[in-house]
Amino acid sequence: MLPDDGEVGGLLALMLLTDARRPARTGPEGELIPLTEQDRTLWNSDLIAEGQRVVMDAVAGGAVGQYVRLNRAVAAAMVHGPATGLAMLEELDGPLRGHYRLDAVGAHLLDMVGDTRSAAAHYRAAARRTTNVPEYQYLAAQVARLGVAESG
């Protein structure tokens, strides 16, 4: 119904790319497996190709939606380093402000640059906001791994 909406395209691409990785995203006990640790032979290459096509169409359309921008920040961080991704996250607002995914991505990138106190705070915020039990458990485990006591 909204083929030219960058936000809709970004959300569709996120759904396709997430679904493509579904068999590799969780372990035998339902625990989340981070992207960098997933068995990529389990990914669905047809869904990945479709997700990439949708992203490219959304980007080519000019207006890039919040979901595409969040995914772009993650990709940029993996290519150019976490500081680049963090700078891109600073530019995100609107529908994603206060969303657990924004905090989770920020926490991961802050962790990568060594800011464990800020990373722990963002992991905690993301854990409080998610309604998904495996995601909550993963985020809580990251807080515990960092070993930073909650302040204030």
N, C-alpha and C. Protein backbone atom coordinates (compact mmCIF):
# COMPACT_ATOMS: atom_id res chain seq x y z
N MET A 1 0.81 -1.20 0.00
CA MET A 1 0.00 0.00 0.00
C MET A 1 0.86 1.27 0.00
N LEU A 2 2.09 1.17 0.49
CA LEU A 2 2.99 2.33 0.54
C LEU A 2 4.34 1.96 -0.08
N PRO A 3 4.36 1.63 -1.38
CA PRO A 3 5.59 1.12 -1.99
C PRO A 3 6.73 2.13 -2.03
N ASP A 4 6.45 3.42 -1.94
CA ASP A 4 7.50 4.42 -2.03
C ASP A 4 7.91 4.99 -0.67
N ASP A 5 7.39 4.45 0.42
CA ASP A 5 7.70 4.94 1.75
C ASP A 5 8.98 4.28 2.25
N GLY A 6 10.03 5.08 2.49
CA GLY A 6 11.31 4.55 2.94
C GLY A 6 11.23 3.84 4.27
N GLU A 7 10.36 4.32 5.16
CA GLU A 7 10.21 3.68 6.46
C GLU A 7 9.59 2.29 6.31
N VAL A 8 8.60 2.18 5.47
CA VAL A 8 7.97 0.88 5.23
C VAL A 8 8.98 -0.06 4.58
N GLY A 9 9.72 0.45 3.61
CA GLY A 9 10.75 -0.36 2.96
C GLY A 9 11.80 -0.82 3.94
N GLY A 10 12.23 0.09 4.82
CA GLY A 10 13.23 -0.26 5.82
C GLY A 10 12.73 -1.31 6.78
N LEU A 11 11.50 -1.18 7.20
CA LEU A 11 10.92 -2.17 8.11
C LEU A 11 10.78 -3.52 7.42
N LEU A 12 10.33 -3.52 6.17
CA LEU A 12 10.22 -4.77 5.42
C LEU A 12 11.59 -5.42 5.27
N ALA A 13 12.59 -4.62 4.93
CA ALA A 13 13.94 -5.17 4.78
C ALA A 13 14.43 -5.76 6.09
N LEU A 14 14.20 -5.07 7.19
CA LEU A 14 14.60 -5.58 8.51
C LEU A 14 13.91 -6.91 8.79
N MET A 15 12.63 -6.99 8.48
CA MET A 15 11.89 -8.23 8.72
C MET A 15 12.44 -9.37 7.85
N LEU A 16 12.72 -9.08 6.59
CA LEU A 16 13.24 -10.11 5.69
C LEU A 16 14.62 -10.58 6.13
N LEU A 17 15.48 -9.64 6.47
CA LEU A 17 16.84 -10.00 6.87
C LEU A 17 16.87 -10.72 8.21
N THR A 18 15.98 -10.33 9.10
CA THR A 18 15.88 -11.02 10.39
C THR A 18 15.35 -12.43 10.19
N ASP A 19 14.31 -12.57 9.38
CA ASP A 19 13.74 -13.89 9.13
C ASP A 19 14.75 -14.79 8.41
N ALA A 20 15.56 -14.22 7.55
CA ALA A 20 16.57 -15.01 6.83
C ALA A 20 17.56 -15.66 7.80
N ARG A 21 17.78 -15.02 8.92
CA ARG A 21 18.73 -15.53 9.90
C ARG A 21 18.06 -16.34 11.02
N ARG A 22 16.76 -16.50 10.97
CA ARG A 22 16.01 -17.14 12.06
C ARG A 22 16.61 -18.47 12.53
N PRO A 23 16.98 -19.40 11.65
CA PRO A 23 17.51 -20.67 12.14
C PRO A 23 18.82 -20.54 12.94
N ALA A 24 19.55 -19.44 12.72
CA ALA A 24 20.85 -19.26 13.38
C ALA A 24 20.79 -18.29 14.55
N ARG A 25 19.64 -17.64 14.75
CA ARG A 25 19.55 -16.57 15.76
C ARG A 25 19.42 -17.06 17.19
N THR A 26 19.00 -18.29 17.38
CA THR A 26 18.83 -18.81 18.74
C THR A 26 19.50 -20.17 18.89
N GLY A 27 19.93 -20.43 20.13
CA GLY A 27 20.56 -21.69 20.44
C GLY A 27 19.54 -22.73 20.87
N PRO A 28 20.00 -23.89 21.30
CA PRO A 28 19.09 -24.99 21.65
C PRO A 28 18.17 -24.69 22.83
N GLU A 29 18.57 -23.79 23.70
CA GLU A 29 17.74 -23.42 24.85
C GLU A 29 16.94 -22.14 24.61
N GLY A 30 16.93 -21.67 23.37
CA GLY A 30 16.20 -20.45 23.02
C GLY A 30 16.98 -19.17 23.27
N GLU A 31 18.24 -19.29 23.66
CA GLU A 31 19.07 -18.11 23.91
C GLU A 31 19.46 -17.43 22.60
N LEU A 32 19.59 -16.10 22.65
CA LEU A 32 19.98 -15.36 21.46
C LEU A 32 21.44 -15.60 21.13
N ILE A 33 21.72 -15.72 19.87
CA ILE A 33 23.09 -15.84 19.40
C ILE A 33 23.40 -14.56 18.63
N PRO A 34 24.40 -13.79 19.08
CA PRO A 34 24.73 -12.53 18.40
C PRO A 34 25.09 -12.77 16.93
N LEU A 35 24.85 -11.79 16.12
CA LEU A 35 25.10 -11.87 14.69
C LEU A 35 26.51 -12.38 14.38
N THR A 36 27.50 -11.86 15.09
CA THR A 36 28.89 -12.25 14.81
C THR A 36 29.19 -13.69 15.14
N GLU A 37 28.33 -14.34 15.92
CA GLU A 37 28.55 -15.73 16.32
C GLU A 37 27.63 -16.72 15.62
N GLN A 38 26.78 -16.25 14.71
CA GLN A 38 25.81 -17.12 14.05
C GLN A 38 26.47 -17.97 12.98
N ASP A 39 25.94 -19.18 12.80
CA ASP A 39 26.38 -20.08 11.74
C ASP A 39 25.72 -19.60 10.44
N ARG A 40 26.49 -18.94 9.62
CA ARG A 40 25.94 -18.32 8.41
C ARG A 40 25.50 -19.32 7.36
N THR A 41 25.90 -20.57 7.51
CA THR A 41 25.42 -21.58 6.56
C THR A 41 23.93 -21.86 6.77
N LEU A 42 23.39 -21.43 7.92
CA LEU A 42 21.97 -21.63 8.20
C LEU A 42 21.10 -20.50 7.66
N TRP A 43 21.71 -19.42 7.20
CA TRP A 43 20.95 -18.27 6.71
C TRP A 43 20.29 -18.61 5.37
N ASN A 44 19.13 -17.98 5.12
CA ASN A 44 18.39 -18.18 3.88
C ASN A 44 18.83 -17.13 2.86
N SER A 45 19.62 -17.54 1.88
CA SER A 45 20.20 -16.60 0.92
C SER A 45 19.15 -15.92 0.04
N ASP A 46 18.04 -16.58 -0.25
CA ASP A 46 16.98 -15.97 -1.05
C ASP A 46 16.34 -14.79 -0.30
N LEU A 47 16.08 -14.98 1.01
CA LEU A 47 15.50 -13.89 1.80
C LEU A 47 16.50 -12.75 1.97
N ILE A 48 17.78 -13.07 2.10
CA ILE A 48 18.81 -12.03 2.21
C ILE A 48 18.84 -11.20 0.93
N ALA A 49 18.80 -11.87 -0.21
CA ALA A 49 18.81 -11.15 -1.49
C ALA A 49 17.58 -10.25 -1.61
N GLU A 50 16.43 -10.75 -1.20
CA GLU A 50 15.22 -9.93 -1.27
C GLU A 50 15.31 -8.75 -0.30
N GLY A 51 15.82 -8.98 0.90
CA GLY A 51 15.99 -7.90 1.87
C GLY A 51 16.94 -6.84 1.36
N GLN A 52 18.02 -7.26 0.73
CA GLN A 52 18.98 -6.30 0.16
C GLN A 52 18.34 -5.49 -0.96
N ARG A 53 17.54 -6.16 -1.78
CA ARG A 53 16.86 -5.45 -2.87
C ARG A 53 15.91 -4.39 -2.31
N VAL A 54 15.16 -4.76 -1.27
CA VAL A 54 14.22 -3.82 -0.66
C VAL A 54 14.96 -2.63 -0.06
N VAL A 55 16.09 -2.89 0.61
CA VAL A 55 16.88 -1.80 1.17
C VAL A 55 17.38 -0.88 0.07
N MET A 56 17.91 -1.46 -0.98
CA MET A 56 18.44 -0.63 -2.08
C MET A 56 17.33 0.19 -2.73
N ASP A 57 16.16 -0.38 -2.88
CA ASP A 57 15.03 0.37 -3.43
C ASP A 57 14.64 1.51 -2.50
N ALA A 58 14.63 1.24 -1.20
CA ALA A 58 14.26 2.28 -0.24
C ALA A 58 15.27 3.41 -0.24
N VAL A 59 16.55 3.07 -0.29
CA VAL A 59 17.61 4.08 -0.31
C VAL A 59 17.57 4.87 -1.61
N ALA A 60 17.33 4.19 -2.72
CA ALA A 60 17.28 4.86 -4.02
C ALA A 60 16.10 5.83 -4.11
N GLY A 61 15.07 5.58 -3.30
CA GLY A 61 13.89 6.44 -3.30
C GLY A 61 14.12 7.79 -2.64
N GLY A 62 15.28 7.98 -2.03
CA GLY A 62 15.61 9.28 -1.45
C GLY A 62 15.41 9.32 0.06
N ALA A 63 14.19 9.35 0.51
CA ALA A 63 13.90 9.45 1.93
C ALA A 63 14.15 8.09 2.59
N VAL A 64 15.09 8.05 3.50
CA VAL A 64 15.45 6.81 4.16
C VAL A 64 14.77 6.77 5.52
N GLY A 65 14.05 5.71 5.80
CA GLY A 65 13.33 5.58 7.05
C GLY A 65 14.23 5.27 8.23
N GLN A 66 13.67 5.38 9.42
CA GLN A 66 14.42 5.18 10.67
C GLN A 66 15.02 3.78 10.77
N TYR A 67 14.28 2.75 10.35
CA TYR A 67 14.79 1.39 10.45
C TYR A 67 15.99 1.19 9.53
N VAL A 68 15.91 1.74 8.29
CA VAL A 68 17.06 1.64 7.37
C VAL A 68 18.23 2.39 7.97
N ARG A 69 17.99 3.55 8.59
CA ARG A 69 19.07 4.34 9.17
C ARG A 69 19.72 3.61 10.35
N LEU A 70 18.92 2.92 11.16
CA LEU A 70 19.47 2.15 12.27
C LEU A 70 20.35 1.02 11.73
N ASN A 71 19.84 0.30 10.75
CA ASN A 71 20.62 -0.78 10.15
C ASN A 71 21.88 -0.24 9.47
N ARG A 72 21.77 0.90 8.86
CA ARG A 72 22.93 1.52 8.20
C ARG A 72 24.00 1.88 9.23
N ALA A 73 23.57 2.37 10.40
CA ALA A 73 24.53 2.71 11.47
C ALA A 73 25.28 1.46 11.93
N VAL A 74 24.56 0.35 12.05
CA VAL A 74 25.20 -0.91 12.45
C VAL A 74 26.20 -1.34 11.39
N ALA A 75 25.79 -1.31 10.14
CA ALA A 75 26.69 -1.71 9.05
C ALA A 75 27.91 -0.80 8.99
N ALA A 76 27.70 0.49 9.12
CA ALA A 76 28.82 1.45 9.09
C ALA A 76 29.78 1.18 10.24
N ALA A 77 29.25 0.84 11.40
CA ALA A 77 30.10 0.54 12.56
C ALA A 77 30.96 -0.69 12.30
N MET A 78 30.40 -1.67 11.62
CA MET A 78 31.16 -2.89 11.35
C MET A 78 32.26 -2.63 10.31
N VAL A 79 32.02 -1.69 9.41
CA VAL A 79 33.00 -1.39 8.36
C VAL A 79 34.00 -0.33 8.80
N HIS A 80 33.50 0.75 9.42
CA HIS A 80 34.34 1.92 9.72
C HIS A 80 34.66 2.09 11.20
N GLY A 81 34.10 1.24 12.03
CA GLY A 81 34.38 1.30 13.46
C GLY A 81 33.20 1.82 14.25
N PRO A 82 33.16 1.49 15.54
CA PRO A 82 32.01 1.83 16.38
C PRO A 82 31.77 3.33 16.54
N ALA A 83 32.81 4.13 16.47
CA ALA A 83 32.62 5.59 16.61
C ALA A 83 31.75 6.12 15.47
N THR A 84 31.93 5.59 14.28
CA THR A 84 31.10 6.00 13.15
C THR A 84 29.65 5.63 13.39
N GLY A 85 29.41 4.42 13.85
CA GLY A 85 28.04 3.98 14.15
C GLY A 85 27.41 4.82 15.24
N LEU A 86 28.18 5.13 16.29
CA LEU A 86 27.65 5.96 17.38
C LEU A 86 27.26 7.35 16.88
N ALA A 87 28.08 7.92 16.02
CA ALA A 87 27.76 9.24 15.46
C ALA A 87 26.46 9.18 14.66
N MET A 88 26.27 8.11 13.92
CA MET A 88 25.05 7.96 13.14
C MET A 88 23.84 7.75 14.05
N LEU A 89 24.01 7.05 15.17
CA LEU A 89 22.91 6.87 16.11
C LEU A 89 22.47 8.19 16.71
N GLU A 90 23.42 9.09 16.92
CA GLU A 90 23.08 10.41 17.48
C GLU A 90 22.10 11.15 16.60
N GLU A 91 22.11 10.88 15.32
CA GLU A 91 21.24 11.57 14.37
C GLU A 91 19.84 10.96 14.32
N LEU A 92 19.65 9.81 14.94
CA LEU A 92 18.34 9.16 14.91
C LEU A 92 17.43 9.74 15.98
N ASP A 93 16.22 10.04 15.59
CA ASP A 93 15.20 10.46 16.55
C ASP A 93 13.86 10.02 15.99
N GLY A 94 12.81 10.57 16.46
CA GLY A 94 11.50 10.18 15.94
C GLY A 94 11.05 8.85 16.50
N PRO A 95 10.52 7.98 15.65
CA PRO A 95 9.89 6.74 16.12
C PRO A 95 10.82 5.82 16.91
N LEU A 96 12.11 5.88 16.66
CA LEU A 96 13.02 4.98 17.36
C LEU A 96 13.50 5.52 18.70
N ARG A 97 13.32 6.81 18.95
CA ARG A 97 13.76 7.36 20.23
C ARG A 97 13.03 6.65 21.36
N GLY A 98 13.76 6.07 22.28
CA GLY A 98 13.17 5.33 23.37
C GLY A 98 12.88 3.87 23.05
N HIS A 99 13.17 3.43 21.83
CA HIS A 99 12.95 2.03 21.45
C HIS A 99 14.14 1.20 21.94
N TYR A 100 13.86 0.02 22.42
CA TYR A 100 14.93 -0.79 23.00
C TYR A 100 16.02 -1.12 21.99
N ARG A 101 15.69 -1.24 20.72
CA ARG A 101 16.71 -1.57 19.72
C ARG A 101 17.76 -0.47 19.61
N LEU A 102 17.34 0.77 19.72
CA LEU A 102 18.29 1.88 19.65
C LEU A 102 19.25 1.80 20.84
N ASP A 103 18.72 1.53 22.03
CA ASP A 103 19.58 1.38 23.20
C ASP A 103 20.48 0.16 23.08
N ALA A 104 19.96 -0.93 22.55
CA ALA A 104 20.76 -2.15 22.43
C ALA A 104 21.93 -1.94 21.46
N VAL A 105 21.66 -1.31 20.34
CA VAL A 105 22.73 -1.03 19.38
C VAL A 105 23.74 -0.07 19.99
N GLY A 106 23.24 0.99 20.63
CA GLY A 106 24.14 1.94 21.28
C GLY A 106 25.01 1.27 22.32
N ALA A 107 24.41 0.37 23.12
CA ALA A 107 25.16 -0.34 24.15
C ALA A 107 26.28 -1.17 23.53
N HIS A 108 25.96 -1.88 22.47
CA HIS A 108 26.96 -2.72 21.82
C HIS A 108 28.12 -1.88 21.29
N LEU A 109 27.80 -0.76 20.66
CA LEU A 109 28.86 0.08 20.10
C LEU A 109 29.68 0.75 21.21
N LEU A 110 29.02 1.19 22.27
CA LEU A 110 29.74 1.76 23.41
C LEU A 110 30.65 0.72 24.05
N ASP A 111 30.18 -0.51 24.13
CA ASP A 111 30.99 -1.61 24.63
C ASP A 111 32.22 -1.80 23.75
N MET A 112 32.04 -1.71 22.44
CA MET A 112 33.15 -1.88 21.51
C MET A 112 34.22 -0.81 21.67
N VAL A 113 33.81 0.42 22.04
CA VAL A 113 34.81 1.48 22.22
C VAL A 113 35.37 1.50 23.63
N GLY A 114 34.88 0.62 24.51
CA GLY A 114 35.42 0.52 25.85
C GLY A 114 34.74 1.37 26.90
N ASP A 115 33.61 1.98 26.57
CA ASP A 115 32.87 2.78 27.55
C ASP A 115 31.88 1.85 28.26
N THR A 116 32.39 1.05 29.19
CA THR A 116 31.57 0.01 29.82
C THR A 116 30.45 0.59 30.68
N ARG A 117 30.70 1.71 31.35
CA ARG A 117 29.65 2.31 32.19
C ARG A 117 28.44 2.73 31.35
N SER A 118 28.70 3.44 30.26
CA SER A 118 27.60 3.86 29.38
C SER A 118 26.95 2.66 28.68
N ALA A 119 27.78 1.70 28.28
CA ALA A 119 27.25 0.50 27.63
C ALA A 119 26.30 -0.22 28.57
N ALA A 120 26.70 -0.39 29.83
CA ALA A 120 25.85 -1.07 30.81
C ALA A 120 24.53 -0.33 30.99
N ALA A 121 24.59 1.00 31.04
CA ALA A 121 23.36 1.79 31.21
C ALA A 121 22.42 1.59 30.03
N HIS A 122 22.95 1.54 28.83
CA HIS A 122 22.12 1.33 27.64
C HIS A 122 21.61 -0.10 27.56
N TYR A 123 22.44 -1.08 27.94
CA TYR A 123 21.96 -2.46 27.98
C TYR A 123 20.79 -2.58 28.97
N ARG A 124 20.93 -1.92 30.14
CA ARG A 124 19.85 -1.96 31.14
C ARG A 124 18.57 -1.33 30.58
N ALA A 125 18.72 -0.18 29.94
CA ALA A 125 17.54 0.50 29.37
C ALA A 125 16.87 -0.38 28.32
N ALA A 126 17.67 -1.01 27.47
CA ALA A 126 17.11 -1.89 26.45
C ALA A 126 16.41 -3.08 27.08
N ALA A 127 17.02 -3.65 28.12
CA ALA A 127 16.41 -4.80 28.80
C ALA A 127 15.07 -4.42 29.43
N ARG A 128 14.99 -3.22 29.99
CA ARG A 128 13.73 -2.79 30.60
C ARG A 128 12.62 -2.61 29.57
N ARG A 129 12.98 -2.28 28.35
CA ARG A 129 11.98 -1.96 27.33
C ARG A 129 11.55 -3.14 26.46
N THR A 130 12.38 -4.15 26.35
CA THR A 130 12.01 -5.27 25.48
C THR A 130 10.93 -6.12 26.14
N THR A 131 10.10 -6.70 25.31
CA THR A 131 9.08 -7.63 25.80
C THR A 131 9.41 -9.07 25.41
N ASN A 132 10.54 -9.26 24.79
CA ASN A 132 10.97 -10.56 24.31
C ASN A 132 11.89 -11.19 25.36
N VAL A 133 11.52 -12.33 25.90
CA VAL A 133 12.28 -12.96 26.99
C VAL A 133 13.72 -13.29 26.59
N PRO A 134 13.97 -13.96 25.45
CA PRO A 134 15.38 -14.22 25.10
C PRO A 134 16.20 -12.94 24.92
N GLU A 135 15.58 -11.90 24.35
CA GLU A 135 16.30 -10.64 24.22
C GLU A 135 16.62 -10.05 25.59
N TYR A 136 15.63 -10.09 26.49
CA TYR A 136 15.86 -9.60 27.84
C TYR A 136 17.03 -10.37 28.49
N GLN A 137 17.01 -11.68 28.37
CA GLN A 137 18.06 -12.49 28.99
C GLN A 137 19.43 -12.17 28.40
N TYR A 138 19.49 -11.98 27.09
CA TYR A 138 20.75 -11.62 26.45
C TYR A 138 21.24 -10.27 26.96
N LEU A 139 20.36 -9.27 26.98
CA LEU A 139 20.74 -7.93 27.41
C LEU A 139 21.18 -7.93 28.88
N ALA A 140 20.45 -8.65 29.72
CA ALA A 140 20.82 -8.75 31.14
C ALA A 140 22.17 -9.45 31.29
N ALA A 141 22.44 -10.44 30.47
CA ALA A 141 23.73 -11.14 30.52
C ALA A 141 24.87 -10.19 30.13
N GLN A 142 24.59 -9.28 29.19
CA GLN A 142 25.62 -8.32 28.80
C GLN A 142 25.93 -7.37 29.96
N VAL A 143 24.91 -6.94 30.68
CA VAL A 143 25.11 -6.08 31.85
C VAL A 143 25.97 -6.84 32.86
N ALA A 144 25.62 -8.09 33.12
CA ALA A 144 26.38 -8.88 34.10
C ALA A 144 27.83 -9.07 33.64
N ARG A 145 28.02 -9.31 32.35
CA ARG A 145 29.37 -9.49 31.80
C ARG A 145 30.21 -8.25 32.03
N LEU A 146 29.60 -7.07 31.89
CA LEU A 146 30.34 -5.82 32.07
C LEU A 146 30.68 -5.56 33.55
N GLY A 147 29.86 -6.12 34.45
CA GLY A 147 30.15 -5.99 35.87
C GLY A 147 30.09 -4.57 36.41
N VAL A 148 29.24 -3.75 35.83
CA VAL A 148 29.11 -2.36 36.27
C VAL A 148 27.84 -2.23 37.10
N ALA A 149 28.00 -1.80 38.34
CA ALA A 149 26.83 -1.62 39.22
C ALA A 149 25.99 -0.45 38.73
N GLU A 150 24.68 -0.58 38.91
CA GLU A 150 23.76 0.49 38.52
C GLU A 150 23.99 1.69 39.43
N SER A 151 24.09 2.88 38.85
CA SER A 151 24.32 4.08 39.65
C SER A 151 23.01 4.83 39.83
N GLY A 152 22.99 5.61 40.90
CA GLY A 152 21.85 6.49 41.16
C GLY A 152 20.70 5.76 41.68
